Each structure stands twice: as structure tokens, then as C-alpha cells.
Amino acid sequence: MAQLVVETERAWQALGQVSYGPTEAEKKSIQFRRSSYVVQDVKAGDVLTRENVRAIRPGLGLPTKYLEHVLGKAVKQDVKRGTALGWGLLG
């Protein structure tokens, strides 16, 4: 029975821990990833399209995995060209 306890504890420790988000090593390189930016001036109420939103560097805007979700959405304020796209800009 003592051996069972020891081996169970060893197996439990071998599982490790779940870690969500970037690791310390990745945090330094996040800025070099692509993210969504507004590439044309957009007025409040205008709809985001492939012509006025692109995935470019640096990675300060929304991750590119959300690009399809924001296309077709209207912005709630005027947005200048070169602005990193964020959820707060969408209406």
C-alpha cells in the first residue's frame, strides 16, 4: 500500500500544471507578431472591411484570429489610419 501511495504521488507530480497565456520567453516576442490595424481613416458608423483593416506588425492590436469576427462590424468612433484595432472601437 505504501508503494501505491508513493507511485501515485509520483504520477501526480509528473502531470505538471496547466499554464494559459504566453510564457515569460514568449512575452518578449509578442510585439513581433501580426495583429489587426486600421489602414484607412474610418468614420463613426462605418463598417470594417478587408480594404480598411489588415493584419500587420507590431502585435499591439487584436490578434489575427479575430480578424474574421470584426469584419462587417461598425466602429463607434472615428478611427485614424494606423490605429491598432481593439474591442473598444467596435459598436
N, C-alpha and C. Protein backbone atom coordinates (compact mmCIF):
# COMPACT_ATOMS: atom_id res chain seq x y z
N MET A 1 0.83 -1.19 0.00
CA MET A 1 0.00 0.00 0.00
C MET A 1 0.88 1.27 0.00
N ALA A 2 1.99 1.22 0.76
CA ALA A 2 2.90 2.37 0.81
C ALA A 2 3.49 2.64 -0.57
N GLN A 3 3.80 1.58 -1.30
CA GLN A 3 4.33 1.75 -2.65
C GLN A 3 3.30 2.38 -3.58
N LEU A 4 2.04 2.01 -3.42
CA LEU A 4 0.97 2.60 -4.21
C LEU A 4 0.87 4.10 -3.97
N VAL A 5 0.97 4.53 -2.71
CA VAL A 5 0.93 5.94 -2.37
C VAL A 5 2.10 6.68 -3.01
N VAL A 6 3.28 6.11 -2.93
CA VAL A 6 4.48 6.74 -3.49
C VAL A 6 4.35 6.89 -5.01
N GLU A 7 3.93 5.83 -5.67
CA GLU A 7 3.81 5.87 -7.13
C GLU A 7 2.67 6.79 -7.59
N THR A 8 1.60 6.84 -6.83
CA THR A 8 0.50 7.75 -7.15
C THR A 8 0.97 9.20 -7.05
N GLU A 9 1.69 9.50 -6.00
CA GLU A 9 2.23 10.86 -5.84
C GLU A 9 3.20 11.21 -6.96
N ARG A 10 4.02 10.28 -7.34
CA ARG A 10 4.97 10.49 -8.42
C ARG A 10 4.24 10.74 -9.75
N ALA A 11 3.20 9.97 -10.01
CA ALA A 11 2.40 10.16 -11.23
C ALA A 11 1.70 11.52 -11.21
N TRP A 12 1.19 11.92 -10.08
CA TRP A 12 0.51 13.22 -9.94
C TRP A 12 1.47 14.37 -10.23
N GLN A 13 2.68 14.29 -9.73
CA GLN A 13 3.69 15.32 -9.97
C GLN A 13 4.12 15.34 -11.43
N ALA A 14 4.11 14.21 -12.09
CA ALA A 14 4.53 14.13 -13.49
C ALA A 14 3.53 14.81 -14.42
N LEU A 15 2.29 14.95 -13.97
CA LEU A 15 1.29 15.60 -14.81
C LEU A 15 1.60 17.07 -15.03
N GLY A 16 2.24 17.73 -14.10
CA GLY A 16 2.58 19.14 -14.25
C GLY A 16 1.39 20.04 -14.00
N GLN A 17 1.50 21.28 -14.50
CA GLN A 17 0.45 22.27 -14.31
C GLN A 17 0.04 22.86 -15.65
N VAL A 18 -1.20 23.24 -15.76
CA VAL A 18 -1.70 23.90 -16.96
C VAL A 18 -1.36 25.38 -16.86
N SER A 19 -0.83 25.92 -17.92
CA SER A 19 -0.46 27.34 -17.94
C SER A 19 -1.06 27.97 -19.19
N TYR A 20 -1.98 28.92 -19.00
CA TYR A 20 -2.61 29.62 -20.12
C TYR A 20 -1.90 30.93 -20.37
N GLY A 21 -1.92 31.37 -21.60
CA GLY A 21 -1.28 32.63 -21.94
C GLY A 21 0.17 32.42 -22.31
N PRO A 22 0.83 33.52 -22.68
CA PRO A 22 2.23 33.40 -23.11
C PRO A 22 3.16 33.12 -21.94
N THR A 23 4.22 32.39 -22.23
CA THR A 23 5.24 32.13 -21.23
C THR A 23 6.14 33.36 -21.11
N GLU A 24 7.02 33.36 -20.14
CA GLU A 24 7.93 34.50 -19.96
C GLU A 24 8.80 34.70 -21.19
N ALA A 25 9.22 33.62 -21.81
CA ALA A 25 10.06 33.72 -23.01
C ALA A 25 9.27 34.30 -24.18
N GLU A 26 7.96 33.98 -24.28
CA GLU A 26 7.13 34.48 -25.38
C GLU A 26 6.75 35.93 -25.20
N LYS A 27 6.65 36.42 -23.99
CA LYS A 27 6.22 37.79 -23.74
C LYS A 27 7.11 38.81 -24.43
N LYS A 28 8.40 38.51 -24.55
CA LYS A 28 9.33 39.43 -25.19
C LYS A 28 9.10 39.51 -26.70
N SER A 29 8.57 38.47 -27.30
CA SER A 29 8.42 38.44 -28.76
C SER A 29 7.00 38.71 -29.24
N ILE A 30 6.06 38.99 -28.35
CA ILE A 30 4.68 39.24 -28.77
C ILE A 30 4.59 40.45 -29.70
N GLN A 31 5.40 41.45 -29.47
CA GLN A 31 5.34 42.65 -30.29
C GLN A 31 5.72 42.37 -31.75
N PHE A 32 6.39 41.27 -32.02
CA PHE A 32 6.80 40.94 -33.38
C PHE A 32 5.75 40.13 -34.13
N ARG A 33 4.67 39.78 -33.46
CA ARG A 33 3.58 39.05 -34.11
C ARG A 33 2.71 40.02 -34.90
N ARG A 34 1.90 39.49 -35.75
CA ARG A 34 0.95 40.32 -36.50
C ARG A 34 -0.30 40.54 -35.66
N SER A 35 -0.95 41.68 -35.89
CA SER A 35 -2.23 41.96 -35.24
C SER A 35 -3.04 42.85 -36.17
N SER A 36 -4.28 43.13 -35.81
CA SER A 36 -5.20 43.87 -36.67
C SER A 36 -5.04 45.37 -36.49
N TYR A 37 -4.92 46.07 -37.61
CA TYR A 37 -4.80 47.52 -37.63
C TYR A 37 -5.74 48.11 -38.65
N VAL A 38 -6.19 49.34 -38.40
CA VAL A 38 -6.99 50.09 -39.36
C VAL A 38 -6.00 50.76 -40.31
N VAL A 39 -6.17 50.52 -41.63
CA VAL A 39 -5.21 51.04 -42.61
C VAL A 39 -5.77 52.18 -43.45
N GLN A 40 -7.03 52.56 -43.20
CA GLN A 40 -7.65 53.72 -43.84
C GLN A 40 -8.44 54.45 -42.78
N ASP A 41 -8.55 55.78 -42.92
CA ASP A 41 -9.38 56.54 -41.97
C ASP A 41 -10.82 56.04 -42.06
N VAL A 42 -11.44 55.82 -40.90
CA VAL A 42 -12.81 55.30 -40.83
C VAL A 42 -13.62 56.25 -39.96
N LYS A 43 -14.81 56.61 -40.41
CA LYS A 43 -15.72 57.47 -39.65
C LYS A 43 -16.60 56.62 -38.74
N ALA A 44 -17.14 57.24 -37.72
CA ALA A 44 -18.04 56.55 -36.80
C ALA A 44 -19.23 55.99 -37.58
N GLY A 45 -19.55 54.73 -37.35
CA GLY A 45 -20.66 54.08 -38.03
C GLY A 45 -20.26 53.32 -39.28
N ASP A 46 -19.05 53.56 -39.80
CA ASP A 46 -18.59 52.84 -40.98
C ASP A 46 -18.32 51.38 -40.63
N VAL A 47 -18.45 50.52 -41.62
CA VAL A 47 -18.26 49.09 -41.45
C VAL A 47 -16.81 48.72 -41.79
N LEU A 48 -16.24 47.83 -41.01
CA LEU A 48 -14.87 47.38 -41.26
C LEU A 48 -14.87 46.34 -42.38
N THR A 49 -13.94 46.51 -43.32
CA THR A 49 -13.82 45.61 -44.47
C THR A 49 -12.36 45.20 -44.62
N ARG A 50 -12.11 44.32 -45.58
CA ARG A 50 -10.73 43.90 -45.86
C ARG A 50 -9.90 45.05 -46.42
N GLU A 51 -10.54 46.07 -46.97
CA GLU A 51 -9.82 47.21 -47.51
C GLU A 51 -9.33 48.16 -46.42
N ASN A 52 -10.05 48.24 -45.29
CA ASN A 52 -9.64 49.20 -44.25
C ASN A 52 -9.09 48.54 -42.98
N VAL A 53 -9.00 47.21 -42.95
CA VAL A 53 -8.40 46.50 -41.80
C VAL A 53 -7.45 45.45 -42.35
N ARG A 54 -6.25 45.40 -41.79
CA ARG A 54 -5.26 44.41 -42.21
C ARG A 54 -4.51 43.87 -41.01
N ALA A 55 -3.89 42.73 -41.21
CA ALA A 55 -3.03 42.12 -40.19
C ALA A 55 -1.59 42.50 -40.50
N ILE A 56 -1.02 43.36 -39.65
CA ILE A 56 0.36 43.82 -39.84
C ILE A 56 1.08 43.81 -38.49
N ARG A 57 2.35 44.10 -38.51
CA ARG A 57 3.15 44.18 -37.29
C ARG A 57 3.21 45.63 -36.84
N PRO A 58 3.40 45.94 -35.60
CA PRO A 58 3.66 45.11 -34.42
C PRO A 58 2.37 44.55 -33.83
N GLY A 59 2.49 43.65 -32.91
CA GLY A 59 1.36 42.94 -32.32
C GLY A 59 0.71 43.68 -31.17
N LEU A 60 0.30 44.91 -31.39
CA LEU A 60 -0.31 45.70 -30.32
C LEU A 60 -1.83 45.74 -30.41
N GLY A 61 -2.42 45.25 -31.50
CA GLY A 61 -3.87 45.25 -31.67
C GLY A 61 -4.46 43.88 -31.38
N LEU A 62 -5.68 43.67 -31.87
CA LEU A 62 -6.32 42.36 -31.70
C LEU A 62 -5.54 41.30 -32.45
N PRO A 63 -5.42 40.11 -31.88
CA PRO A 63 -4.76 39.02 -32.61
C PRO A 63 -5.47 38.73 -33.93
N THR A 64 -4.73 38.24 -34.88
CA THR A 64 -5.29 38.00 -36.21
C THR A 64 -6.39 36.93 -36.21
N LYS A 65 -6.46 36.11 -35.18
CA LYS A 65 -7.51 35.09 -35.15
C LYS A 65 -8.90 35.71 -35.05
N TYR A 66 -9.00 36.98 -34.65
CA TYR A 66 -10.28 37.66 -34.54
C TYR A 66 -10.61 38.49 -35.76
N LEU A 67 -9.77 38.49 -36.79
CA LEU A 67 -9.99 39.32 -37.96
C LEU A 67 -11.33 39.04 -38.63
N GLU A 68 -11.67 37.79 -38.81
CA GLU A 68 -12.95 37.43 -39.44
C GLU A 68 -14.14 37.87 -38.59
N HIS A 69 -13.97 37.95 -37.28
CA HIS A 69 -15.06 38.35 -36.39
C HIS A 69 -15.33 39.85 -36.46
N VAL A 70 -14.31 40.65 -36.72
CA VAL A 70 -14.50 42.10 -36.73
C VAL A 70 -14.91 42.63 -38.09
N LEU A 71 -14.63 41.88 -39.15
CA LEU A 71 -15.05 42.33 -40.48
C LEU A 71 -16.57 42.34 -40.54
N GLY A 72 -17.12 43.44 -41.05
CA GLY A 72 -18.57 43.60 -41.11
C GLY A 72 -19.15 44.32 -39.92
N LYS A 73 -18.36 44.58 -38.89
CA LYS A 73 -18.81 45.31 -37.70
C LYS A 73 -18.60 46.80 -37.93
N ALA A 74 -19.44 47.61 -37.30
CA ALA A 74 -19.32 49.06 -37.39
C ALA A 74 -18.47 49.59 -36.24
N VAL A 75 -17.75 50.68 -36.50
CA VAL A 75 -16.97 51.32 -35.43
C VAL A 75 -17.83 52.39 -34.77
N LYS A 76 -17.61 52.63 -33.48
CA LYS A 76 -18.45 53.58 -32.76
C LYS A 76 -17.83 54.96 -32.66
N GLN A 77 -16.63 55.13 -33.20
CA GLN A 77 -15.99 56.44 -33.18
C GLN A 77 -15.08 56.56 -34.40
N ASP A 78 -14.66 57.77 -34.73
CA ASP A 78 -13.73 57.97 -35.82
C ASP A 78 -12.40 57.31 -35.47
N VAL A 79 -11.83 56.63 -36.44
CA VAL A 79 -10.56 55.93 -36.23
C VAL A 79 -9.59 56.35 -37.32
N LYS A 80 -8.42 56.80 -36.90
CA LYS A 80 -7.41 57.23 -37.86
C LYS A 80 -6.61 56.05 -38.37
N ARG A 81 -6.08 56.22 -39.56
CA ARG A 81 -5.21 55.23 -40.19
C ARG A 81 -4.03 54.93 -39.28
N GLY A 82 -3.69 53.65 -39.14
CA GLY A 82 -2.54 53.24 -38.32
C GLY A 82 -2.90 52.93 -36.88
N THR A 83 -4.18 52.98 -36.54
CA THR A 83 -4.62 52.69 -35.17
C THR A 83 -4.75 51.18 -34.99
N ALA A 84 -4.20 50.68 -33.88
CA ALA A 84 -4.35 49.25 -33.56
C ALA A 84 -5.82 48.99 -33.22
N LEU A 85 -6.38 47.96 -33.81
CA LEU A 85 -7.80 47.64 -33.62
C LEU A 85 -7.99 46.96 -32.28
N GLY A 86 -9.02 47.40 -31.55
CA GLY A 86 -9.35 46.81 -30.25
C GLY A 86 -10.85 46.67 -30.12
N TRP A 87 -11.30 45.88 -29.17
CA TRP A 87 -12.74 45.65 -28.98
C TRP A 87 -13.45 46.95 -28.61
N GLY A 88 -12.78 47.88 -27.95
CA GLY A 88 -13.40 49.14 -27.55
C GLY A 88 -13.78 50.04 -28.70
N LEU A 89 -13.24 49.81 -29.88
CA LEU A 89 -13.56 50.63 -31.05
C LEU A 89 -14.82 50.15 -31.77
N LEU A 90 -15.24 48.94 -31.49
CA LEU A 90 -16.39 48.36 -32.21
C LEU A 90 -17.69 48.70 -31.52
N GLY A 91 -18.71 48.93 -32.31
CA GLY A 91 -20.02 49.30 -31.78
C GLY A 91 -20.92 48.15 -31.54
